[in-house]
Amino acid sequence: MTDDNQNKHKQAEPYGPGQYPPNYLQPQYQQDEEIDLRELFGIIWDSKWWVIAITFVFAVASVIYSLSLPNVYKAEATLAPTEEAQGQGFGEELGGLASLAGISVGKQQVDKVTMTIEILKSRQFIKNFIEKHRILPEVMAVKYWHQLSGEIVFDREVYDPETNEWVREVEPPKKPEPSSWEYVKVFQDNMLSVEKDSETPGLIKLSVSHMSPAVAHRWVEWLIEDINDHMRQRDIKEAQNSMDYLRKELKETNLSSMQQVFYQLIEKQIQTIMLANVRPEYIFQVLDPAVVPEQKEKPSRVFICIIGTFLGGFLSVGFVLLRNIFRRNTSRR
């Protein structure tokens, strides 16, 4: 090989062993599948009538849906625990006297306020509340509330108010008349709210939501009355059982010191029963009573319309892009 041929060979291969040109490992063609922002906006603009039409349909549908929803009103009362609910007064004295008598009363694991709230939200209490006041149709069969007349309109496909019969069509094992499992769950999830006030410790907010503002107000008052009466009867029964036990123990002891302690314990139980009978607001006293609400709690129709419109716009853009990709793939075949 001549010197000229060697020089040409070296100029043609400037890279040594293991060295490659910068573009050696890259594809020799451009990826035309990538869509830049300009092309993306171009696709959307070319199909703008599709976007407008789909968004408009969703906006109209959201308006119709929001208008079809009935108004729901919430009546709320602010409650404060009484001394009996806070475990003050006679409860502590009873514990001290019982310890002197050698009786172990133990320590209460849950405070009375928390226990009362849990009873108020419990399945058994709500079941008894609905059965006592005979409000099952108002819980399960209300269609809407007529604002001008103030009357409740029932869904006749569910309940016939003239004959007081349940006519809804359900699949077994359900029956036309709702079971306690059904209506208690509806009441717990959709109507009743009991919680401690986060802004003011010690206070309790009790509220009821219903299509009828008058019904919501009335139920709040009934719930406060019933829970106070329930806890009153509960404490009276416990006090009477304690008195029976103390009187039995009193007959079996001959020690004068023990007899004196038993007499004091019995006296405290009598005082507990007396105070329970004379105090209507036994556990919860009403600080701010419930009133008939004039403004609805829900639905938020403006929010529903905004969400529906944005959803329509998002889906319309996605539809346009997918349609464009499908048309490209079809044209290449």
Protein backbone atom coordinates (compact mmCIF):
# COMPACT_ATOMS: atom_id res chain seq x y z
CA MET A 1 0.00 0.00 0.00
CA THR A 2 1.34 3.38 -0.96
CA ASP A 3 1.72 6.32 1.37
CA ASP A 4 -1.17 8.18 -0.30
CA ASN A 5 -3.53 5.26 0.19
CA GLN A 6 -2.46 4.92 3.85
CA ASN A 7 -3.17 8.61 4.48
CA LYS A 8 -6.63 8.31 2.89
CA HIS A 9 -7.37 5.26 5.02
CA LYS A 10 -6.41 7.09 8.21
CA GLN A 11 -8.57 10.09 7.28
CA ALA A 12 -11.53 7.79 6.57
CA GLU A 13 -11.21 6.08 10.01
CA PRO A 14 -10.38 8.80 12.58
CA TYR A 15 -11.71 6.71 15.57
CA GLY A 16 -9.65 4.06 17.29
CA PRO A 17 -10.76 0.62 18.52
CA GLY A 18 -13.85 0.79 20.76
CA GLN A 19 -14.59 4.39 19.73
CA TYR A 20 -17.73 5.28 17.80
CA PRO A 21 -19.23 8.42 16.34
CA PRO A 22 -21.57 10.37 18.59
CA ASN A 23 -24.64 9.36 16.55
CA TYR A 24 -23.60 5.71 16.15
CA LEU A 25 -26.04 4.32 18.76
CA GLN A 26 -28.91 6.73 17.91
CA PRO A 27 -31.58 5.90 15.34
CA GLN A 28 -31.02 7.44 11.95
CA TYR A 29 -34.61 8.60 11.69
CA GLN A 30 -36.64 11.16 13.67
CA GLN A 31 -39.48 10.05 15.89
CA ASP A 32 -42.44 11.74 14.34
CA GLU A 33 -44.73 10.20 16.99
CA GLU A 34 -43.72 12.84 19.53
CA ILE A 35 -46.18 15.69 19.77
CA ASP A 36 -44.91 19.04 20.90
CA LEU A 37 -47.09 21.64 22.60
CA ARG A 38 -47.68 23.60 19.41
CA GLU A 39 -48.97 20.52 17.63
CA LEU A 40 -51.07 19.60 20.68
CA PHE A 41 -52.80 22.97 20.76
CA GLY A 42 -53.19 22.77 17.02
CA ILE A 43 -55.05 19.48 17.30
CA ILE A 44 -57.33 20.87 20.01
CA TRP A 45 -57.98 24.03 18.00
CA ASP A 46 -58.81 22.11 14.86
CA SER A 47 -61.35 20.08 16.87
CA LYS A 48 -62.60 22.97 18.98
CA TRP A 49 -66.23 22.35 18.06
CA TRP A 50 -66.01 18.85 19.46
CA VAL A 51 -64.58 20.26 22.69
CA ILE A 52 -67.26 22.94 22.91
CA ALA A 53 -70.09 20.52 22.15
CA ILE A 54 -69.02 17.87 24.68
CA THR A 55 -68.34 20.46 27.38
CA PHE A 56 -71.73 22.06 26.75
CA VAL A 57 -73.50 18.72 27.07
CA PHE A 58 -71.81 18.02 30.40
CA ALA A 59 -72.57 21.53 31.65
CA VAL A 60 -76.27 21.20 30.78
CA ALA A 61 -76.40 17.71 32.32
CA SER A 62 -74.80 18.97 35.56
CA VAL A 63 -77.34 21.81 35.76
CA ILE A 64 -80.25 19.41 35.25
CA TYR A 65 -78.81 16.99 37.82
CA SER A 66 -78.23 19.72 40.43
CA LEU A 67 -81.77 21.03 40.01
CA SER A 68 -83.18 17.54 40.45
CA LEU A 69 -81.60 17.18 43.90
CA PRO A 70 -83.86 18.19 46.81
CA ASN A 71 -82.72 20.72 49.39
CA VAL A 72 -81.48 19.37 52.70
CA TYR A 73 -81.70 21.49 55.86
CA LYS A 74 -79.72 21.08 59.08
CA ALA A 75 -80.90 21.97 62.57
CA GLU A 76 -78.17 22.17 65.21
CA ALA A 77 -78.04 22.60 68.98
CA THR A 78 -75.09 23.28 71.27
CA LEU A 79 -75.02 21.22 74.46
CA ALA A 80 -72.96 21.33 77.65
CA PRO A 81 -72.48 18.40 80.05
CA THR A 82 -74.02 18.74 83.49
CA GLU A 83 -72.23 17.82 86.73
CA GLU A 84 -73.71 14.33 86.58
CA ALA A 85 -72.28 13.84 83.08
CA GLN A 86 -68.84 15.03 84.15
CA GLY A 87 -68.75 12.59 87.06
CA GLN A 88 -68.53 15.29 89.71
CA GLY A 89 -70.34 15.59 93.00
CA PHE A 90 -71.88 12.46 94.40
CA GLY A 91 -69.98 10.00 92.23
CA GLU A 92 -66.63 10.80 93.83
CA GLU A 93 -68.10 10.78 97.36
CA LEU A 94 -69.68 7.41 96.73
CA GLY A 95 -66.35 6.01 95.67
CA GLY A 96 -64.68 7.28 98.83
CA LEU A 97 -67.36 5.91 101.12
CA ALA A 98 -67.35 2.58 99.34
CA SER A 99 -63.60 2.29 99.83
CA LEU A 100 -64.05 2.87 103.57
CA ALA A 101 -66.52 0.02 103.60
CA GLY A 102 -64.06 -2.25 101.86
CA ILE A 103 -66.07 -2.25 98.63
CA SER A 104 -64.09 -1.93 95.42
CA VAL A 105 -66.06 0.07 92.87
CA GLY A 106 -63.23 0.15 90.32
CA LYS A 107 -62.32 2.99 88.01
CA GLN A 108 -64.46 4.15 85.14
CA GLN A 109 -62.62 3.54 81.90
CA VAL A 110 -64.77 5.87 79.79
CA ASP A 111 -66.04 9.25 80.97
CA LYS A 112 -69.78 9.67 81.08
CA VAL A 113 -69.90 12.31 78.33
CA THR A 114 -68.19 10.02 75.83
CA MET A 115 -70.38 7.12 76.88
CA THR A 116 -73.53 9.22 76.44
CA ILE A 117 -72.46 10.34 72.96
CA GLU A 118 -71.80 6.75 71.93
CA ILE A 119 -75.19 5.68 73.28
CA LEU A 120 -76.82 8.53 71.34
CA LYS A 121 -75.21 7.26 68.12
CA SER A 122 -75.78 3.59 68.90
CA ARG A 123 -77.95 1.29 66.82
CA GLN A 124 -80.25 0.34 69.72
CA PHE A 125 -80.92 3.93 70.79
CA ILE A 126 -81.69 5.08 67.22
CA LYS A 127 -83.94 2.06 66.65
CA ASN A 128 -85.90 2.84 69.82
CA PHE A 129 -86.03 6.53 68.88
CA ILE A 130 -87.53 5.85 65.45
CA GLU A 131 -90.01 3.31 66.79
CA LYS A 132 -91.05 5.51 69.74
CA HIS A 133 -91.84 8.56 67.61
CA ARG A 134 -93.09 6.55 64.60
CA ILE A 135 -90.96 8.44 62.09
CA LEU A 136 -89.93 5.59 59.80
CA PRO A 137 -91.69 7.07 56.70
CA GLU A 138 -89.94 10.42 57.30
CA VAL A 139 -86.60 8.59 57.43
CA MET A 140 -86.97 6.27 54.45
CA ALA A 141 -89.69 7.50 52.09
CA VAL A 142 -89.51 11.29 51.73
CA LYS A 143 -89.34 12.50 48.12
CA TYR A 144 -89.15 16.24 48.77
CA TRP A 145 -90.45 19.02 50.99
CA HIS A 146 -93.00 21.44 49.54
CA GLN A 147 -91.72 24.87 50.54
CA LEU A 148 -94.97 26.81 50.05
CA SER A 149 -97.28 24.46 51.93
CA GLY A 150 -94.66 23.13 54.34
CA GLU A 151 -95.82 19.57 53.74
CA ILE A 152 -93.71 16.49 53.18
CA VAL A 153 -94.27 14.66 49.90
CA PHE A 154 -93.63 10.92 50.09
CA ASP A 155 -92.38 8.74 47.29
CA ARG A 156 -95.44 6.69 46.41
CA GLU A 157 -93.30 4.03 44.77
CA VAL A 158 -91.87 3.37 48.23
CA TYR A 159 -94.61 4.26 50.71
CA ASP A 160 -98.34 4.94 50.47
CA PRO A 161 -99.20 7.57 53.12
CA GLU A 162 -102.96 7.05 52.71
CA THR A 163 -102.91 3.37 53.63
CA ASN A 164 -99.65 3.48 55.65
CA GLU A 165 -98.31 0.59 53.59
CA TRP A 166 -94.82 0.05 52.20
CA VAL A 167 -95.00 -0.72 48.51
CA ARG A 168 -91.38 -0.58 47.39
CA GLU A 169 -90.06 -3.36 45.21
CA VAL A 170 -86.99 -5.04 46.65
CA GLU A 171 -85.19 -8.32 46.19
CA PRO A 172 -85.17 -10.96 48.96
CA PRO A 173 -84.17 -11.11 51.74
CA LYS A 174 -85.29 -7.48 51.95
CA LYS A 175 -88.95 -6.74 52.52
CA PRO A 176 -91.14 -3.81 51.40
CA GLU A 177 -90.98 -2.37 54.91
CA PRO A 178 -87.38 -1.36 55.74
CA SER A 179 -85.68 -3.35 58.45
CA SER A 180 -83.97 -1.79 61.45
CA TRP A 181 -80.62 -2.53 59.81
CA GLU A 182 -81.59 -0.33 56.84
CA TYR A 183 -83.20 2.65 58.54
CA VAL A 184 -80.70 2.86 61.39
CA LYS A 185 -77.83 2.98 58.92
CA VAL A 186 -79.59 5.71 56.88
CA PHE A 187 -80.18 7.73 60.05
CA GLN A 188 -76.60 7.32 61.24
CA ASP A 189 -74.92 8.08 57.90
CA ASN A 190 -77.16 10.74 56.39
CA MET A 191 -79.08 12.49 59.17
CA LEU A 192 -77.50 12.40 62.62
CA SER A 193 -74.28 14.13 63.64
CA VAL A 194 -72.96 14.22 67.22
CA GLU A 195 -69.46 15.48 67.87
CA LYS A 196 -67.45 17.43 70.38
CA ASP A 197 -66.85 21.07 69.52
CA SER A 198 -63.23 21.48 68.39
CA GLU A 199 -63.23 25.22 69.02
CA THR A 200 -64.75 25.09 72.52
CA PRO A 201 -63.64 22.00 74.46
CA GLY A 202 -66.37 20.46 76.57
CA LEU A 203 -69.28 21.45 74.33
CA ILE A 204 -71.17 19.07 72.05
CA LYS A 205 -72.75 19.80 68.68
CA LEU A 206 -75.89 17.79 67.93
CA SER A 207 -77.43 18.22 64.48
CA VAL A 208 -79.99 16.53 62.25
CA SER A 209 -80.21 16.92 58.47
CA HIS A 210 -83.52 16.44 56.67
CA MET A 211 -85.42 17.65 53.61
CA SER A 212 -87.93 19.31 55.94
CA PRO A 213 -86.48 22.03 58.20
CA ALA A 214 -89.34 21.60 60.66
CA VAL A 215 -88.67 17.87 60.96
CA ALA A 216 -84.93 18.46 61.48
CA HIS A 217 -85.68 20.95 64.27
CA ARG A 218 -88.22 18.67 65.95
CA TRP A 219 -85.92 15.64 65.87
CA VAL A 220 -83.07 17.55 67.52
CA GLU A 221 -85.36 18.46 70.42
CA TRP A 222 -86.61 14.89 70.69
CA LEU A 223 -83.08 13.47 70.67
CA ILE A 224 -81.96 15.77 73.51
CA GLU A 225 -85.04 14.90 75.52
CA ASP A 226 -84.72 11.16 74.91
CA ILE A 227 -80.99 10.91 75.69
CA ASN A 228 -81.47 12.81 78.95
CA ASP A 229 -84.36 10.54 79.88
CA HIS A 230 -82.42 7.42 78.84
CA MET A 231 -79.42 8.29 81.02
CA ARG A 232 -81.72 9.32 83.88
CA GLN A 233 -83.49 5.97 83.85
CA ARG A 234 -80.16 4.21 83.54
CA ASP A 235 -78.72 5.93 86.61
CA ILE A 236 -81.92 5.47 88.60
CA LYS A 237 -81.88 1.76 87.87
CA GLU A 238 -78.22 1.50 88.88
CA ALA A 239 -78.91 3.44 92.08
CA GLN A 240 -81.84 1.19 92.96
CA ASN A 241 -79.75 -1.93 92.34
CA SER A 242 -77.00 -0.48 94.53
CA MET A 243 -79.51 0.26 97.29
CA ASP A 244 -80.81 -3.29 97.18
CA TYR A 245 -77.29 -4.62 97.50
CA LEU A 246 -76.37 -2.22 100.33
CA ARG A 247 -79.51 -3.07 102.30
CA LYS A 248 -78.73 -6.74 101.94
CA GLU A 249 -75.18 -6.20 103.20
CA LEU A 250 -76.50 -4.02 106.00
CA LYS A 251 -78.61 -6.86 107.37
CA GLU A 252 -75.65 -9.23 107.37
CA THR A 253 -73.22 -7.05 109.34
CA ASN A 254 -73.23 -6.33 113.05
CA LEU A 255 -70.40 -3.79 113.09
CA SER A 256 -71.69 -0.32 113.90
CA SER A 257 -68.95 1.36 111.86
CA MET A 258 -69.85 -0.63 108.79
CA GLN A 259 -73.53 0.01 109.31
CA GLN A 260 -72.86 3.74 109.43
CA VAL A 261 -70.99 3.58 106.11
CA PHE A 262 -73.80 1.59 104.53
CA TYR A 263 -76.37 4.13 105.73
CA GLN A 264 -74.35 6.93 104.17
CA LEU A 265 -74.05 5.05 100.88
CA ILE A 266 -77.80 4.40 100.82
CA GLU A 267 -78.44 8.08 101.54
CA LYS A 268 -76.31 9.11 98.58
CA GLN A 269 -78.15 6.73 96.30
CA ILE A 270 -81.47 8.21 97.43
CA GLN A 271 -80.12 11.68 96.65
CA THR A 272 -79.02 10.49 93.22
CA ILE A 273 -82.52 9.20 92.46
CA MET A 274 -84.11 12.40 93.76
CA LEU A 275 -81.88 14.69 91.66
CA ALA A 276 -82.37 12.52 88.59
CA ASN A 277 -86.14 12.86 88.89
CA VAL A 278 -86.20 16.64 89.38
CA ARG A 279 -83.72 17.65 86.64
CA PRO A 280 -85.12 17.51 83.10
CA GLU A 281 -81.68 18.27 81.61
CA TYR A 282 -79.99 15.45 83.43
CA ILE A 283 -76.91 14.82 81.25
CA PHE A 284 -76.92 17.56 78.61
CA GLN A 285 -78.12 21.11 79.15
CA VAL A 286 -78.95 23.18 76.09
CA LEU A 287 -76.81 26.28 75.66
CA ASP A 288 -77.93 27.16 72.13
CA PRO A 289 -81.25 25.53 71.20
CA ALA A 290 -82.00 24.38 67.68
CA VAL A 291 -84.11 26.61 65.44
CA VAL A 292 -85.95 25.88 62.22
CA PRO A 293 -83.32 26.47 59.51
CA GLU A 294 -84.20 28.83 56.67
CA GLN A 295 -81.13 28.15 54.50
CA LYS A 296 -80.33 24.81 52.98
CA GLU A 297 -77.21 22.89 53.94
CA LYS A 298 -76.85 21.08 50.60
CA PRO A 299 -76.65 20.47 47.71
CA SER A 300 -74.17 23.05 46.43
CA ARG A 301 -75.56 23.43 42.94
CA VAL A 302 -72.92 25.91 41.79
CA PHE A 303 -70.16 23.52 42.82
CA ILE A 304 -71.86 20.62 41.01
CA CYS A 305 -72.17 22.68 37.81
CA ILE A 306 -68.52 23.78 37.96
CA ILE A 307 -67.29 20.22 38.52
CA GLY A 308 -69.52 18.92 35.72
CA THR A 309 -68.29 21.56 33.28
CA PHE A 310 -64.61 20.93 34.08
CA LEU A 311 -65.16 17.20 33.77
CA GLY A 312 -66.76 17.69 30.36
CA GLY A 313 -63.87 19.85 29.19
CA PHE A 314 -61.29 17.32 30.38
CA LEU A 315 -63.07 14.38 28.74
CA SER A 316 -63.59 16.31 25.52
CA VAL A 317 -59.87 17.08 25.21
CA GLY A 318 -59.05 13.44 25.89
CA PHE A 319 -61.57 12.35 23.27
CA VAL A 320 -60.07 14.71 20.67
CA LEU A 321 -56.52 13.49 21.31
CA LEU A 322 -57.51 9.82 21.18
CA ARG A 323 -59.48 10.46 18.02
CA ASN A 324 -56.44 12.10 16.42
CA ILE A 325 -54.14 9.20 17.36
CA PHE A 326 -56.64 6.68 15.99
CA ARG A 327 -56.91 8.58 12.71
CA ARG A 328 -53.10 8.69 12.37
CA ASN A 329 -52.76 4.97 12.92
CA THR A 330 -55.53 4.28 10.41
CA SER A 331 -53.96 6.49 7.72
CA ARG A 332 -50.60 4.67 8.01
CA ARG A 333 -52.01 1.26 7.33
